[in-house]
Amino acid sequence: MSGDVMTQLKALAVARFGAEAEALGPDDDLFETLGIDSLQALDLLTDLEGAFGVEVPDYELQGVNTLGGLAQVIGQRR
């Protein structure tokens, strides 16, 4: 996983959800750590797609529930 993808993911999580970047790790559950629901996770994905200029189909996100997993999926699309 690219470090800059994780860094950008953290920055977007901080901006959108008020999370603390230092408290976010790659193995953290997206929903528990950020306190978000599935709709908010889609908003985060939309932000990431825009930031990296990629499109991620929903089926690629099935079973992805960690920050590192999301960063990996985004990184593979770059």
PDB file of N, CA and C in Angstrom:
ATOM      1  N   MET A   1       0.853  -1.185   0.000  1.00  0.00           N
ATOM      2  CA  MET A   1       0.000   0.000   0.000  1.00  0.00           C
ATOM      3  C   MET A   1       0.882   1.225   0.000  1.00  0.00           C
ATOM      4  N   SER A   2       0.533   2.154  -0.803  1.00  0.00           N
ATOM      5  CA  SER A   2       1.294   3.389  -0.909  1.00  0.00           C
ATOM      6  C   SER A   2       1.064   4.258   0.323  1.00  0.00           C
ATOM      7  N   GLY A   3       2.154   4.765   0.875  1.00  0.00           N
ATOM      8  CA  GLY A   3       2.050   5.619   2.052  1.00  0.00           C
ATOM      9  C   GLY A   3       1.286   6.896   1.790  1.00  0.00           C
ATOM     10  N   ASP A   4       1.412   7.453   0.582  1.00  0.00           N
ATOM     11  CA  ASP A   4       0.712   8.702   0.314  1.00  0.00           C
ATOM     12  C   ASP A   4      -0.791   8.488   0.206  1.00  0.00           C
ATOM     13  N   VAL A   5      -1.233   7.289  -0.196  1.00  0.00           N
ATOM     14  CA  VAL A   5      -2.670   7.002  -0.231  1.00  0.00           C
ATOM     15  C   VAL A   5      -3.211   6.994   1.194  1.00  0.00           C
ATOM     16  N   MET A   6      -2.502   6.339   2.105  1.00  0.00           N
ATOM     17  CA  MET A   6      -2.941   6.288   3.501  1.00  0.00           C
ATOM     18  C   MET A   6      -2.914   7.687   4.113  1.00  0.00           C
ATOM     19  N   THR A   7      -1.906   8.465   3.784  1.00  0.00           N
ATOM     20  CA  THR A   7      -1.820   9.831   4.294  1.00  0.00           C
ATOM     21  C   THR A   7      -3.006  10.660   3.815  1.00  0.00           C
ATOM     22  N   GLN A   8      -3.339  10.529   2.531  1.00  0.00           N
ATOM     23  CA  GLN A   8      -4.480  11.263   1.973  1.00  0.00           C
ATOM     24  C   GLN A   8      -5.790  10.777   2.580  1.00  0.00           C
ATOM     25  N   LEU A   9      -5.905   9.465   2.778  1.00  0.00           N
ATOM     26  CA  LEU A   9      -7.099   8.900   3.405  1.00  0.00           C
ATOM     27  C   LEU A   9      -7.275   9.475   4.805  1.00  0.00           C
ATOM     28  N   LYS A  10      -6.210   9.530   5.553  1.00  0.00           N
ATOM     29  CA  LYS A  10      -6.273  10.111   6.897  1.00  0.00           C
ATOM     30  C   LYS A  10      -6.674  11.583   6.838  1.00  0.00           C
ATOM     31  N   ALA A  11      -6.077  12.332   5.911  1.00  0.00           N
ATOM     32  CA  ALA A  11      -6.392  13.759   5.787  1.00  0.00           C
ATOM     33  C   ALA A  11      -7.870  13.970   5.460  1.00  0.00           C
ATOM     34  N   LEU A  12      -8.408  13.155   4.578  1.00  0.00           N
ATOM     35  CA  LEU A  12      -9.828  13.283   4.230  1.00  0.00           C
ATOM     36  C   LEU A  12     -10.723  12.883   5.397  1.00  0.00           C
ATOM     37  N   ALA A  13     -10.312  11.854   6.149  1.00  0.00           N
ATOM     38  CA  ALA A  13     -11.083  11.437   7.320  1.00  0.00           C
ATOM     39  C   ALA A  13     -11.086  12.538   8.383  1.00  0.00           C
ATOM     40  N   VAL A  14      -9.961  13.197   8.546  1.00  0.00           N
ATOM     41  CA  VAL A  14      -9.869  14.305   9.497  1.00  0.00           C
ATOM     42  C   VAL A  14     -10.774  15.451   9.048  1.00  0.00           C
ATOM     43  N   ALA A  15     -10.686  15.811   7.777  1.00  0.00           N
ATOM     44  CA  ALA A  15     -11.470  16.931   7.257  1.00  0.00           C
ATOM     45  C   ALA A  15     -12.972  16.648   7.293  1.00  0.00           C
ATOM     46  N   ARG A  16     -13.370  15.450   6.901  1.00  0.00           N
ATOM     47  CA  ARG A  16     -14.793  15.143   6.782  1.00  0.00           C
ATOM     48  C   ARG A  16     -15.433  14.749   8.102  1.00  0.00           C
ATOM     49  N   PHE A  17     -14.710  13.990   8.946  1.00  0.00           N
ATOM     50  CA  PHE A  17     -15.323  13.415  10.137  1.00  0.00           C
ATOM     51  C   PHE A  17     -14.717  13.893  11.450  1.00  0.00           C
ATOM     52  N   GLY A  18     -13.706  14.751  11.390  1.00  0.00           N
ATOM     53  CA  GLY A  18     -13.108  15.281  12.606  1.00  0.00           C
ATOM     54  C   GLY A  18     -12.253  14.274  13.361  1.00  0.00           C
ATOM     55  N   ALA A  19     -11.817  13.233  12.680  1.00  0.00           N
ATOM     56  CA  ALA A  19     -10.959  12.233  13.322  1.00  0.00           C
ATOM     57  C   ALA A  19      -9.570  12.823  13.551  1.00  0.00           C
ATOM     58  N   GLU A  20      -8.829  12.222  14.469  1.00  0.00           N
ATOM     59  CA  GLU A  20      -7.461  12.649  14.714  1.00  0.00           C
ATOM     60  C   GLU A  20      -6.529  11.744  13.917  1.00  0.00           C
ATOM     61  N   ALA A  21      -5.730  12.318  13.037  1.00  0.00           N
ATOM     62  CA  ALA A  21      -4.873  11.547  12.140  1.00  0.00           C
ATOM     63  C   ALA A  21      -3.942  10.605  12.899  1.00  0.00           C
ATOM     64  N   GLU A  22      -3.422  11.042  14.042  1.00  0.00           N
ATOM     65  CA  GLU A  22      -2.490  10.219  14.815  1.00  0.00           C
ATOM     66  C   GLU A  22      -3.172   8.971  15.354  1.00  0.00           C
ATOM     67  N   ALA A  23      -4.483   9.023  15.519  1.00  0.00           N
ATOM     68  CA  ALA A  23      -5.219   7.898  16.084  1.00  0.00           C
ATOM     69  C   ALA A  23      -5.667   6.899  15.022  1.00  0.00           C
ATOM     70  N   LEU A  24      -5.425   7.196  13.749  1.00  0.00           N
ATOM     71  CA  LEU A  24      -5.879   6.336  12.663  1.00  0.00           C
ATOM     72  C   LEU A  24      -4.747   5.449  12.167  1.00  0.00           C
ATOM     73  N   GLY A  25      -4.985   4.154  12.184  1.00  0.00           N
ATOM     74  CA  GLY A  25      -3.997   3.202  11.700  1.00  0.00           C
ATOM     75  C   GLY A  25      -4.564   2.334  10.593  1.00  0.00           C
ATOM     76  N   PRO A  26      -3.715   1.665   9.832  1.00  0.00           N
ATOM     77  CA  PRO A  26      -4.177   0.879   8.692  1.00  0.00           C
ATOM     78  C   PRO A  26      -5.089  -0.289   9.059  1.00  0.00           C
ATOM     79  N   ASP A  27      -4.975  -0.805  10.272  1.00  0.00           N
ATOM     80  CA  ASP A  27      -5.803  -1.937  10.671  1.00  0.00           C
ATOM     81  C   ASP A  27      -7.090  -1.522  11.386  1.00  0.00           C
ATOM     82  N   ASP A  28      -7.313  -0.227  11.496  1.00  0.00           N
ATOM     83  CA  ASP A  28      -8.512   0.264  12.173  1.00  0.00           C
ATOM     84  C   ASP A  28      -9.748   0.075  11.303  1.00  0.00           C
ATOM     85  N   ASP A  29     -10.829  -0.348  11.946  1.00  0.00           N
ATOM     86  CA  ASP A  29     -12.098  -0.501  11.259  1.00  0.00           C
ATOM     87  C   ASP A  29     -12.636   0.871  10.879  1.00  0.00           C
ATOM     88  N   LEU A  30     -12.991   1.030   9.613  1.00  0.00           N
ATOM     89  CA  LEU A  30     -13.509   2.317   9.114  1.00  0.00           C
ATOM     90  C   LEU A  30     -14.697   2.809   9.921  1.00  0.00           C
ATOM     91  N   PHE A  31     -15.624   1.923  10.167  1.00  0.00           N
ATOM     92  CA  PHE A  31     -16.885   2.317  10.783  1.00  0.00           C
ATOM     93  C   PHE A  31     -16.733   2.598  12.279  1.00  0.00           C
ATOM     94  N   GLU A  32     -15.992   1.747  12.967  1.00  0.00           N
ATOM     95  CA  GLU A  32     -15.802   1.937  14.403  1.00  0.00           C
ATOM     96  C   GLU A  32     -14.904   3.129  14.708  1.00  0.00           C
ATOM     97  N   THR A  33     -13.775   3.206  14.036  1.00  0.00           N
ATOM     98  CA  THR A  33     -12.794   4.248  14.319  1.00  0.00           C
ATOM     99  C   THR A  33     -13.323   5.635  13.986  1.00  0.00           C
ATOM    100  N   LEU A  34     -13.974   5.741  12.828  1.00  0.00           N
ATOM    101  CA  LEU A  34     -14.489   7.043  12.405  1.00  0.00           C
ATOM    102  C   LEU A  34     -15.890   7.319  12.928  1.00  0.00           C
ATOM    103  N   GLY A  35     -16.560   6.292  13.447  1.00  0.00           N
ATOM    104  CA  GLY A  35     -17.918   6.470  13.939  1.00  0.00           C
ATOM    105  C   GLY A  35     -18.885   6.823  12.811  1.00  0.00           C
ATOM    106  N   ILE A  36     -18.729   6.146  11.665  1.00  0.00           N
ATOM    107  CA  ILE A  36     -19.537   6.481  10.498  1.00  0.00           C
ATOM    108  C   ILE A  36     -20.435   5.311  10.104  1.00  0.00           C
ATOM    109  N   ASP A  37     -21.399   5.613   9.242  1.00  0.00           N
ATOM    110  CA  ASP A  37     -22.251   4.572   8.691  1.00  0.00           C
ATOM    111  C   ASP A  37     -21.875   4.342   7.226  1.00  0.00           C
ATOM    112  N   SER A  38     -22.591   3.453   6.567  1.00  0.00           N
ATOM    113  CA  SER A  38     -22.225   3.087   5.197  1.00  0.00           C
ATOM    114  C   SER A  38     -22.372   4.252   4.217  1.00  0.00           C
ATOM    115  N   LEU A  39     -23.336   5.124   4.431  1.00  0.00           N
ATOM    116  CA  LEU A  39     -23.492   6.282   3.547  1.00  0.00           C
ATOM    117  C   LEU A  39     -22.327   7.251   3.693  1.00  0.00           C
ATOM    118  N   GLN A  40     -21.877   7.443   4.915  1.00  0.00           N
ATOM    119  CA  GLN A  40     -20.732   8.318   5.139  1.00  0.00           C
ATOM    120  C   GLN A  40     -19.456   7.696   4.560  1.00  0.00           C
ATOM    121  N   ALA A  41     -19.363   6.363   4.596  1.00  0.00           N
ATOM    122  CA  ALA A  41     -18.218   5.689   3.986  1.00  0.00           C
ATOM    123  C   ALA A  41     -18.211   5.922   2.474  1.00  0.00           C
ATOM    124  N   LEU A  42     -19.380   5.928   1.862  1.00  0.00           N
ATOM    125  CA  LEU A  42     -19.467   6.217   0.430  1.00  0.00           C
ATOM    126  C   LEU A  42     -19.053   7.656   0.132  1.00  0.00           C
ATOM    127  N   ASP A  43     -19.401   8.575   1.015  1.00  0.00           N
ATOM    128  CA  ASP A  43     -18.959   9.963   0.856  1.00  0.00           C
ATOM    129  C   ASP A  43     -17.438  10.051   0.898  1.00  0.00           C
ATOM    130  N   LEU A  44     -16.846   9.316   1.830  1.00  0.00           N
ATOM    131  CA  LEU A  44     -15.385   9.294   1.935  1.00  0.00           C
ATOM    132  C   LEU A  44     -14.777   8.716   0.661  1.00  0.00           C
ATOM    133  N   LEU A  45     -15.366   7.647   0.154  1.00  0.00           N
ATOM    134  CA  LEU A  45     -14.874   7.047  -1.083  1.00  0.00           C
ATOM    135  C   LEU A  45     -14.970   8.035  -2.240  1.00  0.00           C
ATOM    136  N   THR A  46     -16.068   8.761  -2.319  1.00  0.00           N
ATOM    137  CA  THR A  46     -16.232   9.768  -3.373  1.00  0.00           C
ATOM    138  C   THR A  46     -15.131  10.813  -3.277  1.00  0.00           C
ATOM    139  N   ASP A  47     -14.822  11.248  -2.060  1.00  0.00           N
ATOM    140  CA  ASP A  47     -13.731  12.205  -1.855  1.00  0.00           C
ATOM    141  C   ASP A  47     -12.399  11.622  -2.329  1.00  0.00           C
ATOM    142  N   LEU A  48     -12.154  10.365  -1.982  1.00  0.00           N
ATOM    143  CA  LEU A  48     -10.906   9.719  -2.381  1.00  0.00           C
ATOM    144  C   LEU A  48     -10.814   9.554  -3.889  1.00  0.00           C
ATOM    145  N   GLU A  49     -11.919   9.162  -4.504  1.00  0.00           N
ATOM    146  CA  GLU A  49     -11.922   9.017  -5.962  1.00  0.00           C
ATOM    147  C   GLU A  49     -11.594  10.352  -6.629  1.00  0.00           C
ATOM    148  N   GLY A  50     -12.162  11.425  -6.118  1.00  0.00           N
ATOM    149  CA  GLY A  50     -11.875  12.744  -6.661  1.00  0.00           C
ATOM    150  C   GLY A  50     -10.439  13.171  -6.424  1.00  0.00           C
ATOM    151  N   ALA A  51      -9.930  12.893  -5.240  1.00  0.00           N
ATOM    152  CA  ALA A  51      -8.571  13.295  -4.892  1.00  0.00           C
ATOM    153  C   ALA A  51      -7.524  12.564  -5.731  1.00  0.00           C
ATOM    154  N   PHE A  52      -7.798  11.305  -6.067  1.00  0.00           N
ATOM    155  CA  PHE A  52      -6.828  10.512  -6.810  1.00  0.00           C
ATOM    156  C   PHE A  52      -7.185  10.314  -8.274  1.00  0.00           C
ATOM    157  N   GLY A  53      -8.333  10.825  -8.694  1.00  0.00           N
ATOM    158  CA  GLY A  53      -8.730  10.701 -10.090  1.00  0.00           C
ATOM    159  C   GLY A  53      -8.978   9.266 -10.525  1.00  0.00           C
ATOM    160  N   VAL A  54      -9.550   8.469  -9.640  1.00  0.00           N
ATOM    161  CA  VAL A  54      -9.861   7.070  -9.948  1.00  0.00           C
ATOM    162  C   VAL A  54     -11.340   6.811  -9.714  1.00  0.00           C
ATOM    163  N   GLU A  55     -11.814   5.698 -10.252  1.00  0.00           N
ATOM    164  CA  GLU A  55     -13.178   5.249  -9.976  1.00  0.00           C
ATOM    165  C   GLU A  55     -13.091   3.825  -9.456  1.00  0.00           C
ATOM    166  N   VAL A  56     -13.721   3.583  -8.314  1.00  0.00           N
ATOM    167  CA  VAL A  56     -13.684   2.266  -7.694  1.00  0.00           C
ATOM    168  C   VAL A  56     -15.097   1.680  -7.720  1.00  0.00           C
ATOM    169  N   PRO A  57     -15.288   0.570  -8.433  1.00  0.00           N
ATOM    170  CA  PRO A  57     -16.603  -0.065  -8.453  1.00  0.00           C
ATOM    171  C   PRO A  57     -16.971  -0.605  -7.062  1.00  0.00           C
ATOM    172  N   ASP A  58     -18.250  -0.580  -6.753  1.00  0.00           N
ATOM    173  CA  ASP A  58     -18.716  -1.038  -5.439  1.00  0.00           C
ATOM    174  C   ASP A  58     -18.276  -2.467  -5.120  1.00  0.00           C
ATOM    175  N   TYR A  59     -18.278  -3.336  -6.135  1.00  0.00           N
ATOM    176  CA  TYR A  59     -17.940  -4.738  -5.876  1.00  0.00           C
ATOM    177  C   TYR A  59     -16.505  -4.909  -5.375  1.00  0.00           C
ATOM    178  N   GLU A  60     -15.620  -3.964  -5.696  1.00  0.00           N
ATOM    179  CA  GLU A  60     -14.244  -4.053  -5.212  1.00  0.00           C
ATOM    180  C   GLU A  60     -14.130  -3.707  -3.731  1.00  0.00           C
ATOM    181  N   LEU A  61     -15.169  -3.123  -3.189  1.00  0.00           N
ATOM    182  CA  LEU A  61     -15.138  -2.719  -1.785  1.00  0.00           C
ATOM    183  C   LEU A  61     -15.834  -3.712  -0.856  1.00  0.00           C
ATOM    184  N   GLN A  62     -16.431  -4.744  -1.418  1.00  0.00           N
ATOM    185  CA  GLN A  62     -17.087  -5.748  -0.591  1.00  0.00           C
ATOM    186  C   GLN A  62     -16.055  -6.398   0.315  1.00  0.00           C
ATOM    187  N   GLY A  63     -16.334  -6.383   1.589  1.00  0.00           N
ATOM    188  CA  GLY A  63     -15.434  -6.970   2.568  1.00  0.00           C
ATOM    189  C   GLY A  63     -14.310  -6.055   3.016  1.00  0.00           C
ATOM    190  N   VAL A  64     -14.193  -4.878   2.428  1.00  0.00           N
ATOM    191  CA  VAL A  64     -13.167  -3.922   2.848  1.00  0.00           C
ATOM    192  C   VAL A  64     -13.730  -3.107   4.007  1.00  0.00           C
ATOM    193  N   ASN A  65     -13.122  -3.251   5.175  1.00  0.00           N
ATOM    194  CA  ASN A  65     -13.628  -2.509   6.324  1.00  0.00           C
ATOM    195  C   ASN A  65     -12.537  -1.834   7.135  1.00  0.00           C
ATOM    196  N   THR A  66     -11.291  -1.888   6.626  1.00  0.00           N
ATOM    197  CA  THR A  66     -10.207  -1.208   7.340  1.00  0.00           C
ATOM    198  C   THR A  66      -9.683  -0.043   6.504  1.00  0.00           C
ATOM    199  N   LEU A  67      -9.048   0.873   7.185  1.00  0.00           N
ATOM    200  CA  LEU A  67      -8.440   2.006   6.494  1.00  0.00           C
ATOM    201  C   LEU A  67      -7.366   1.527   5.520  1.00  0.00           C
ATOM    202  N   GLY A  68      -6.561   0.567   5.944  1.00  0.00           N
ATOM    203  CA  GLY A  68      -5.518   0.027   5.082  1.00  0.00           C
ATOM    204  C   GLY A  68      -6.091  -0.678   3.862  1.00  0.00           C
ATOM    205  N   GLY A  69      -7.189  -1.404   4.058  1.00  0.00           N
ATOM    206  CA  GLY A  69      -7.838  -2.084   2.945  1.00  0.00           C
ATOM    207  C   GLY A  69      -8.363  -1.099   1.922  1.00  0.00           C
ATOM    208  N   LEU A  70      -8.959  -0.026   2.399  1.00  0.00           N
ATOM    209  CA  LEU A  70      -9.460   1.006   1.498  1.00  0.00           C
ATOM    210  C   LEU A  70      -8.303   1.681   0.761  1.00  0.00           C
ATOM    211  N   ALA A  71      -7.237   1.974   1.486  1.00  0.00           N
ATOM    212  CA  ALA A  71      -6.067   2.585   0.862  1.00  0.00           C
ATOM    213  C   ALA A  71      -5.474   1.664  -0.204  1.00  0.00           C
ATOM    214  N   GLN A  72      -5.472   0.363   0.052  1.00  0.00           N
ATOM    215  CA  GLN A  72      -4.937  -0.594  -0.904  1.00  0.00           C
ATOM    216  C   GLN A  72      -5.776  -0.629  -2.178  1.00  0.00           C
ATOM    217  N   VAL A  73      -7.101  -0.637  -2.030  1.00  0.00           N
ATOM    218  CA  VAL A  73      -7.983  -0.642  -3.200  1.00  0.00           C
ATOM    219  C   VAL A  73      -7.774   0.622  -4.027  1.00  0.00           C
ATOM    220  N   ILE A  74      -7.688   1.766  -3.369  1.00  0.00           N
ATOM    221  CA  ILE A  74      -7.448   3.030  -4.078  1.00  0.00           C
ATOM    222  C   ILE A  74      -6.084   2.980  -4.758  1.00  0.00           C
ATOM    223  N   GLY A  75      -5.074   2.495  -4.055  1.00  0.00           N
ATOM    224  CA  GLY A  75      -3.723   2.425  -4.605  1.00  0.00           C
ATOM    225  C   GLY A  75      -3.631   1.544  -5.841  1.00  0.00           C
ATOM    226  N   GLN A  76      -4.405   0.476  -5.899  1.00  0.00           N
ATOM    227  CA  GLN A  76      -4.395  -0.425  -7.054  1.00  0.00           C
ATOM    228  C   GLN A  76      -5.032   0.219  -8.278  1.00  0.00           C
ATOM    229  N   ARG A  77      -5.861   1.223  -8.072  1.00  0.00           N
ATOM    230  CA  ARG A  77      -6.540   1.880  -9.172  1.00  0.00           C
ATOM    231  C   ARG A  77      -5.729   3.019  -9.759  1.00  0.00           C
ATOM    232  N   ARG A  78      -4.668   3.413  -9.092  1.00  0.00           N
ATOM    233  CA  ARG A  78      -3.864   4.551  -9.554  1.00  0.00           C
ATOM    234  C   ARG A  78      -2.962   4.175 -10.677  1.00  0.00           C
TER     235      ARG A  78
END
